[in-house]
Amino acid sequence: MKIENKQSFAFNLQRIVNAFEHRHLKGRPLLFVGETGVGKTAMVKLAAKMLSKKLGKPVTARFFDLHAMDPTDLIGSPYIKDGVEYHAKPKFFPAKGDEGYFIIVFDEINRIMPDMQAPLYNLISNFSIGDHELSENCIIVGLCNPNESDGENTSYSTLEMDAALINRFRIFGMAPDPDGTLDYLMNTYGPEDAIYQWIVGDPQLINFRGGHGTPRDMESLTKTIISEGGVDKIQEKDLRGIVAGDIGMDMTAHFINYLELRNICTPDDILFNEKEVWQPKLQAAQAKTNRFNIETSLMRTIGHKYLTTDKNPDIKNLLIFLESLGPERAYSTVHMMINITFKEENKKNIKMRNRLHKIGEVAKETNSQLANWVKEITGFNNENK
């Protein structure tokens, strides 16, 4: 199916969270349609992580590839008892009364054979299979690629789905969303992750039209680098070959160039060194690349670093750096820091709140040109006490 009405990663993520929080209503299951690698799987994983934090109990996302299953996998193996045929509870099936919270994810829904469509229809219509009723502590989510690709070099082998089956789902398209991918990478791997920092500087590196550069490629590269001990531990002669396996040679050259620039001026340089040390480094990095990109990468990562570091950052240096960005981008950076500080999981973090408040205090003490608008921080602090 080709979906015209496409929504962002963040919009679709909230649909999963809302469906789970109101699962007692037993609404229609969700179906997300998007190009391969656009972030459908990552979105479900992030939803499970967010819900686990909210509930204080683990919410498990169970993934099943319908293309690789047969009807007995879905309805359970048959057995005879007292001359009557029954079906055993399928292994994926959390039955009513079972412990735990689950998101049951059926992938490749539009690649299933016709003999699988009827039992799937029965499951999502009745929330039961045979004598087994689905647990009230789970929801069903479907994932699939479109029948017709928007990509120039991408095609999918899909099958026609029964109209009645399609109608049982609430259907949402997945739109290209670099911001959503960045949020996922940051929440999963942290602001220090090299791939996250690379993409922050140039979100258009994420290519949603097939080939290398999809969100899946970027997460795979992140995992590869972690497994190899980090970019700083990989020998230069091996780095290109390792990275190219995930994102191809053309993008590898771009990444290697970024790493060279990244090492010229880092958030640590700005937060913990004298300006006579870091300003020439920043100018050197800006001279070798697009100034906007290197500043964007630094402004996103420096905000997280400032709030979370165990060392004592130089706030005057931070203000000097923010002033160099111009009012609009400096304001954006501080708003990002406000949003991080007052996220649900950080609201009780006194260190982060004090760090945020200190920016306003030092801006006022030093007559910084940013003093007028960073005073908004005080309002946020008072509002959220």
Protein backbone atom coordinates (compact mmCIF):
# COMPACT_ATOMS: atom_id res chain seq x y z
CA MET A 1 0.00 0.00 0.00
CA LYS A 2 1.17 3.51 -0.78
CA ILE A 3 0.44 5.98 2.00
CA GLU A 4 -0.07 9.63 1.08
CA ASN A 5 -0.65 10.94 4.61
CA LYS A 6 2.76 10.52 6.26
CA GLN A 7 3.62 11.60 9.78
CA SER A 8 6.82 12.25 11.71
CA PHE A 9 8.71 9.82 13.94
CA ALA A 10 7.62 11.79 17.02
CA PHE A 11 3.94 11.81 15.98
CA ASN A 12 3.87 8.06 15.32
CA LEU A 13 5.84 7.32 18.50
CA GLN A 14 3.15 9.09 20.52
CA ARG A 15 0.46 6.98 18.82
CA ILE A 16 2.10 3.83 20.22
CA VAL A 17 2.45 5.36 23.70
CA ASN A 18 -1.18 6.53 23.69
CA ALA A 19 -2.48 3.18 22.43
CA PHE A 20 -0.64 1.36 25.20
CA GLU A 21 -1.74 3.75 27.93
CA HIS A 22 -5.39 3.31 26.81
CA ARG A 23 -5.10 -0.40 25.98
CA HIS A 24 -8.15 -1.16 28.14
CA LEU A 25 -10.26 0.43 25.37
CA LYS A 26 -9.10 -2.30 22.94
CA GLY A 27 -9.04 -0.01 19.93
CA ARG A 28 -7.83 -1.12 16.51
CA PRO A 29 -4.18 -2.20 16.29
CA LEU A 30 -1.71 0.22 14.73
CA LEU A 31 -0.05 -0.31 11.35
CA PHE A 32 2.98 1.78 10.37
CA VAL A 33 3.96 1.90 6.70
CA GLY A 34 7.37 3.23 5.70
CA GLU A 35 10.42 2.72 3.53
CA THR A 36 13.00 0.19 4.65
CA GLY A 37 15.32 1.62 7.27
CA VAL A 38 13.16 4.69 7.97
CA GLY A 39 13.01 3.86 11.70
CA LYS A 40 9.85 1.80 12.28
CA THR A 41 11.56 -0.80 14.48
CA ALA A 42 13.56 1.85 16.34
CA MET A 43 10.33 3.74 17.04
CA VAL A 44 8.70 0.71 18.68
CA LYS A 45 11.82 0.03 20.78
CA LEU A 46 11.90 3.64 21.96
CA ALA A 47 8.18 3.50 22.81
CA ALA A 48 8.80 0.40 24.96
CA LYS A 49 11.68 2.18 26.71
CA MET A 50 9.57 5.29 27.39
CA LEU A 51 6.65 3.24 28.67
CA SER A 52 8.94 1.20 30.94
CA LYS A 53 10.11 4.43 32.58
CA LYS A 54 6.53 5.68 33.00
CA LEU A 55 5.25 2.44 34.51
CA GLY A 56 8.34 1.65 36.53
CA LYS A 57 8.06 -1.87 35.12
CA PRO A 58 9.54 -3.36 31.93
CA VAL A 59 7.46 -3.15 28.76
CA THR A 60 8.81 -5.72 26.30
CA ALA A 61 8.55 -5.33 22.52
CA ARG A 62 8.27 -8.80 20.92
CA PHE A 63 8.99 -8.81 17.17
CA PHE A 64 7.70 -11.47 14.79
CA ASP A 65 8.30 -11.64 11.05
CA LEU A 66 5.00 -12.83 9.57
CA HIS A 67 6.71 -13.57 6.27
CA ALA A 68 8.73 -16.29 8.02
CA MET A 69 5.81 -17.76 10.00
CA ASP A 70 3.19 -20.32 9.10
CA PRO A 71 -0.41 -20.58 10.40
CA THR A 72 0.48 -22.87 13.30
CA ASP A 73 2.99 -20.29 14.55
CA LEU A 74 0.14 -17.81 14.75
CA ILE A 75 -2.73 -19.97 16.00
CA GLY A 76 -0.72 -22.58 17.93
CA SER A 77 -0.06 -26.25 17.26
CA PRO A 78 -3.21 -28.43 17.13
CA TYR A 79 -3.83 -31.27 19.57
CA ILE A 80 -6.73 -33.63 20.27
CA LYS A 81 -8.35 -33.95 23.67
CA ASP A 82 -11.45 -36.06 24.26
CA GLY A 83 -11.96 -36.23 20.53
CA VAL A 84 -11.98 -32.44 20.19
CA GLU A 85 -9.27 -30.46 18.37
CA TYR A 86 -7.68 -27.61 20.32
CA HIS A 87 -4.70 -25.37 19.67
CA ALA A 88 -1.86 -24.82 22.11
CA LYS A 89 -1.13 -21.25 23.12
CA PRO A 90 1.28 -19.73 20.54
CA LYS A 91 4.71 -18.88 21.93
CA PHE A 92 4.33 -15.17 21.20
CA PHE A 93 0.90 -14.94 22.84
CA PRO A 94 0.65 -13.23 26.25
CA ALA A 95 -2.66 -14.61 27.52
CA LYS A 96 -5.05 -12.96 29.94
CA GLY A 97 -3.70 -13.36 33.46
CA ASP A 98 -0.06 -13.72 32.35
CA GLU A 99 2.39 -11.36 34.02
CA GLY A 100 4.21 -8.63 32.14
CA TYR A 101 3.57 -5.76 29.71
CA PHE A 102 4.08 -6.26 25.98
CA ILE A 103 3.98 -4.64 22.57
CA ILE A 104 3.40 -7.48 20.09
CA VAL A 105 4.95 -6.43 16.77
CA PHE A 106 4.10 -8.21 13.52
CA ASP A 107 6.52 -7.20 10.77
CA GLU A 108 6.18 -7.67 7.00
CA ILE A 109 2.38 -7.72 7.21
CA ASN A 110 1.98 -7.17 3.46
CA ARG A 111 4.26 -10.10 2.63
CA ILE A 112 2.21 -12.81 4.34
CA MET A 113 0.61 -15.62 2.36
CA PRO A 114 -3.20 -15.82 2.07
CA ASP A 115 -3.43 -18.71 4.56
CA MET A 116 -1.96 -16.40 7.24
CA GLN A 117 -4.40 -13.56 6.67
CA ALA A 118 -7.45 -15.29 8.16
CA PRO A 119 -5.88 -16.15 11.54
CA LEU A 120 -4.31 -12.69 11.75
CA TYR A 121 -7.70 -11.13 11.03
CA ASN A 122 -9.26 -13.24 13.78
CA LEU A 123 -6.56 -12.21 16.28
CA ILE A 124 -6.83 -8.48 15.71
CA SER A 125 -10.65 -8.57 15.48
CA ASN A 126 -11.33 -10.60 18.62
CA PHE A 127 -8.10 -10.11 20.60
CA SER A 128 -8.05 -13.87 21.06
CA ILE A 129 -6.96 -17.09 19.39
CA GLY A 130 -9.17 -20.11 19.97
CA ASP A 131 -9.71 -20.38 23.71
CA HIS A 132 -6.83 -18.03 24.50
CA GLU A 133 -7.75 -14.40 25.20
CA LEU A 134 -5.07 -11.77 24.72
CA SER A 135 -3.65 -10.16 27.86
CA GLU A 136 -5.09 -6.78 28.80
CA ASN A 137 -1.48 -5.60 29.30
CA CYS A 138 -0.43 -5.60 25.67
CA ILE A 139 -1.13 -3.99 22.31
CA ILE A 140 -0.59 -5.16 18.72
CA VAL A 141 1.49 -3.15 16.25
CA GLY A 142 2.02 -3.98 12.58
CA LEU A 143 4.92 -2.82 10.41
CA CYS A 144 5.38 -3.00 6.65
CA ASN A 145 6.98 -1.39 3.62
CA PRO A 146 4.82 0.40 1.06
CA ASN A 147 3.76 -1.54 -2.03
CA GLU A 148 5.14 1.28 -4.14
CA SER A 149 8.42 2.81 -3.07
CA ASP A 150 9.16 6.51 -3.05
CA GLY A 151 12.81 5.60 -3.54
CA GLU A 152 14.50 5.77 -6.90
CA ASN A 153 16.42 2.51 -6.45
CA THR A 154 14.21 0.63 -4.01
CA SER A 155 11.53 -1.97 -4.73
CA TYR A 156 9.60 -4.33 -2.47
CA SER A 157 8.17 -7.79 -3.03
CA THR A 158 4.73 -7.41 -1.47
CA LEU A 159 1.40 -9.22 -1.75
CA GLU A 160 -2.16 -7.94 -1.94
CA MET A 161 -3.76 -7.73 1.50
CA ASP A 162 -7.40 -8.50 2.13
CA ALA A 163 -9.35 -5.23 2.34
CA ALA A 164 -11.15 -6.39 5.50
CA LEU A 165 -7.80 -7.10 7.18
CA ILE A 166 -6.40 -3.69 6.25
CA ASN A 167 -9.56 -2.03 7.58
CA ARG A 168 -8.95 -3.54 11.02
CA PHE A 169 -5.85 -1.38 11.50
CA ARG A 170 -5.34 2.28 12.21
CA ILE A 171 -2.83 3.11 9.48
CA PHE A 172 -0.07 5.71 9.68
CA GLY A 173 2.65 6.49 7.17
CA MET A 174 6.24 7.12 8.29
CA ALA A 175 7.68 10.33 6.86
CA PRO A 176 11.42 11.06 6.59
CA ASP A 177 12.29 12.57 9.96
CA PRO A 178 15.95 13.34 10.76
CA ASP A 179 14.97 14.95 14.07
CA GLY A 180 13.17 11.80 15.17
CA THR A 181 16.17 9.69 14.26
CA LEU A 182 18.46 12.01 16.20
CA ASP A 183 16.19 11.81 19.25
CA TYR A 184 16.26 8.02 19.05
CA LEU A 185 20.06 7.85 18.72
CA MET A 186 20.57 10.33 21.57
CA ASN A 187 18.12 8.52 23.89
CA THR A 188 19.59 5.12 23.06
CA TYR A 189 23.33 5.80 22.77
CA GLY A 190 23.82 9.20 24.42
CA PRO A 191 25.09 12.60 23.28
CA GLU A 192 28.72 11.46 23.28
CA ASP A 193 28.08 8.98 20.46
CA ALA A 194 30.16 9.89 17.40
CA ILE A 195 27.42 9.03 14.88
CA TYR A 196 24.87 11.16 16.72
CA GLN A 197 27.31 14.09 16.76
CA TRP A 198 28.09 13.63 13.06
CA ILE A 199 24.43 13.66 11.99
CA VAL A 200 23.53 16.59 14.28
CA GLY A 201 25.86 18.77 12.20
CA ASP A 202 24.16 17.73 8.94
CA PRO A 203 20.81 15.89 9.36
CA GLN A 204 20.48 15.51 5.59
CA LEU A 205 23.12 12.78 5.80
CA ILE A 206 20.17 10.51 6.57
CA ASN A 207 19.01 9.36 3.16
CA PHE A 208 15.47 7.98 2.99
CA ARG A 209 15.52 7.13 -0.70
CA GLY A 210 17.21 3.77 -0.62
CA GLY A 211 20.90 2.94 -0.63
CA HIS A 212 23.15 3.81 2.29
CA GLY A 213 22.36 6.39 4.94
CA THR A 214 19.01 5.27 6.35
CA PRO A 215 18.39 5.46 10.12
CA ARG A 216 18.91 1.68 10.24
CA ASP A 217 22.35 2.12 8.64
CA MET A 218 23.25 4.80 11.15
CA GLU A 219 22.22 2.69 14.14
CA SER A 220 24.07 -0.30 12.70
CA LEU A 221 27.19 1.83 12.35
CA THR A 222 26.80 3.03 15.94
CA LYS A 223 26.67 -0.58 17.15
CA THR A 224 29.65 -1.52 14.98
CA ILE A 225 31.77 1.27 16.41
CA ILE A 226 30.75 0.41 19.97
CA SER A 227 31.68 -3.25 19.38
CA GLU A 228 35.08 -2.16 18.06
CA GLY A 229 35.78 -0.11 21.19
CA GLY A 230 34.92 3.37 19.82
CA VAL A 231 36.29 5.49 16.99
CA ASP A 232 39.35 6.48 18.99
CA LYS A 233 40.33 2.84 19.51
CA ILE A 234 40.04 1.74 15.88
CA GLN A 235 43.29 1.93 13.92
CA GLU A 236 43.10 4.42 11.07
CA LYS A 237 44.02 1.81 8.47
CA ASP A 238 41.04 -0.32 9.54
CA LEU A 239 38.50 2.44 10.12
CA ARG A 240 37.48 3.03 6.50
CA GLY A 241 36.83 -0.63 5.82
CA ILE A 242 34.84 -1.09 9.02
CA VAL A 243 32.65 1.96 8.47
CA ALA A 244 32.10 1.29 4.74
CA GLY A 245 30.39 -2.01 5.55
CA ASP A 246 27.50 -0.05 7.07
CA ILE A 247 27.25 3.17 5.06
CA GLY A 248 29.25 2.68 1.84
CA MET A 249 32.49 4.26 0.65
CA ASP A 250 31.16 7.70 -0.35
CA MET A 251 29.65 8.40 3.07
CA THR A 252 32.68 6.86 4.78
CA ALA A 253 34.90 9.58 3.32
CA HIS A 254 32.49 12.19 4.72
CA PHE A 255 32.56 10.52 8.16
CA ILE A 256 36.36 10.25 8.28
CA ASN A 257 36.60 13.95 7.41
CA TYR A 258 34.16 14.76 10.22
CA LEU A 259 36.24 12.78 12.74
CA GLU A 260 39.30 14.83 11.83
CA LEU A 261 37.37 18.06 12.42
CA ARG A 262 35.78 16.70 15.60
CA ASN A 263 39.19 16.20 17.14
CA ILE A 264 40.28 19.78 16.43
CA CYS A 265 37.76 21.40 18.78
CA THR A 266 35.62 19.43 21.23
CA PRO A 267 32.97 20.35 23.84
CA ASP A 268 35.62 19.59 26.49
CA ASP A 269 37.91 22.23 24.95
CA ILE A 270 35.23 24.89 25.35
CA LEU A 271 33.96 23.87 28.78
CA PHE A 272 37.27 23.18 30.51
CA ASN A 273 39.98 25.25 28.75
CA GLU A 274 40.83 28.93 28.56
CA LYS A 275 39.31 30.75 25.59
CA GLU A 276 42.85 31.47 24.31
CA VAL A 277 43.13 27.68 23.85
CA TRP A 278 39.76 26.74 22.38
CA GLN A 279 38.93 29.77 20.22
CA PRO A 280 41.82 29.13 17.77
CA LYS A 281 40.81 25.46 17.64
CA LEU A 282 37.21 26.38 16.82
CA GLN A 283 38.36 28.79 14.12
CA ALA A 284 40.59 26.08 12.63
CA ALA A 285 37.65 23.63 12.51
CA GLN A 286 35.37 26.27 10.97
CA ALA A 287 37.95 27.04 8.30
CA LYS A 288 38.04 23.41 7.16
CA THR A 289 34.31 22.79 6.81
CA ASN A 290 30.89 24.39 6.73
CA ARG A 291 30.87 26.69 9.77
CA PHE A 292 27.15 26.09 10.38
CA ASN A 293 27.62 22.31 10.55
CA ILE A 294 30.53 22.29 13.00
CA GLU A 295 28.76 24.82 15.26
CA THR A 296 25.51 22.82 15.17
CA SER A 297 27.32 19.66 16.19
CA LEU A 298 29.06 21.46 19.05
CA MET A 299 26.02 23.38 20.29
CA ARG A 300 23.92 20.21 20.62
CA THR A 301 26.60 18.15 22.34
CA ILE A 302 27.96 20.93 24.54
CA GLY A 303 24.50 21.46 26.06
CA HIS A 304 24.28 17.83 27.19
CA LYS A 305 27.88 17.86 28.39
CA TYR A 306 27.41 21.00 30.45
CA LEU A 307 24.36 19.60 32.25
CA THR A 308 25.74 16.13 32.97
CA THR A 309 29.51 16.41 33.44
CA ASP A 310 30.96 15.62 36.87
CA LYS A 311 33.70 18.22 36.36
CA ASN A 312 33.26 21.96 36.90
CA PRO A 313 32.60 23.63 33.52
CA ASP A 314 33.64 27.19 32.75
CA ILE A 315 30.30 28.95 32.33
CA LYS A 316 31.88 32.13 30.98
CA ASN A 317 33.38 30.12 28.15
CA LEU A 318 29.98 28.56 27.46
CA LEU A 319 28.43 32.04 27.22
CA ILE A 320 31.17 33.25 24.87
CA PHE A 321 30.51 30.25 22.62
CA LEU A 322 26.74 30.82 22.71
CA GLU A 323 27.19 34.51 21.86
CA SER A 324 29.26 33.52 18.81
CA LEU A 325 26.30 31.49 17.48
CA GLY A 326 24.03 34.51 17.31
CA PRO A 327 20.82 35.09 19.35
CA GLU A 328 18.57 32.65 17.48
CA ARG A 329 20.84 29.61 17.70
CA ALA A 330 22.00 30.45 21.22
CA TYR A 331 18.37 30.72 22.30
CA SER A 332 17.68 27.35 20.64
CA THR A 333 20.56 25.75 22.54
CA VAL A 334 19.39 27.01 25.92
CA HIS A 335 15.83 25.89 25.17
CA MET A 336 17.18 22.44 24.37
CA MET A 337 18.91 22.44 27.77
CA ILE A 338 15.69 23.55 29.49
CA ASN A 339 13.78 20.72 27.81
CA ILE A 340 16.37 18.16 28.90
CA THR A 341 16.40 19.41 32.50
CA PHE A 342 12.63 19.27 32.89
CA LYS A 343 12.04 15.94 31.20
CA GLU A 344 10.08 13.62 33.48
CA GLU A 345 13.13 11.47 34.26
CA ASN A 346 15.31 14.52 35.09
CA LYS A 347 12.90 16.67 37.10
CA LYS A 348 14.42 15.61 40.43
CA ASN A 349 18.00 16.10 39.25
CA ILE A 350 19.10 19.07 41.38
CA LYS A 351 22.56 19.25 39.78
CA MET A 352 21.10 19.78 36.30
CA ARG A 353 18.68 22.43 37.55
CA ASN A 354 21.44 24.30 39.39
CA ARG A 355 23.68 24.15 36.31
CA LEU A 356 20.89 25.61 34.20
CA HIS A 357 20.15 28.36 36.71
CA LYS A 358 23.85 29.24 36.90
CA ILE A 359 23.89 30.24 33.21
CA GLY A 360 21.40 33.02 33.94
CA GLU A 361 23.29 34.16 37.03
CA VAL A 362 26.68 34.36 35.28
CA ALA A 363 25.16 36.07 32.21
CA LYS A 364 23.79 38.78 34.51
CA GLU A 365 27.03 39.12 36.50
CA THR A 366 29.15 39.50 33.36
CA ASN A 367 26.70 41.76 31.51
CA SER A 368 26.52 39.20 28.75
CA GLN A 369 24.50 40.23 25.72
CA LEU A 370 22.47 37.09 26.38
CA ALA A 371 21.40 38.15 29.89
CA ASN A 372 17.96 39.44 28.85
CA TRP A 373 16.70 36.19 27.40
CA VAL A 374 18.51 33.62 29.56
CA LYS A 375 16.56 35.02 32.52
CA GLU A 376 13.75 32.85 31.16
CA ILE A 377 15.59 29.97 32.84
CA THR A 378 14.66 31.39 36.25
CA GLY A 379 11.02 31.31 35.25
CA PHE A 380 11.28 27.66 34.25
CA ASN A 381 12.99 26.80 37.53
CA ASN A 382 10.31 28.56 39.63
CA GLU A 383 7.49 27.06 37.54
CA ASN A 384 8.72 23.52 37.99
CA LYS A 385 9.63 23.51 41.68
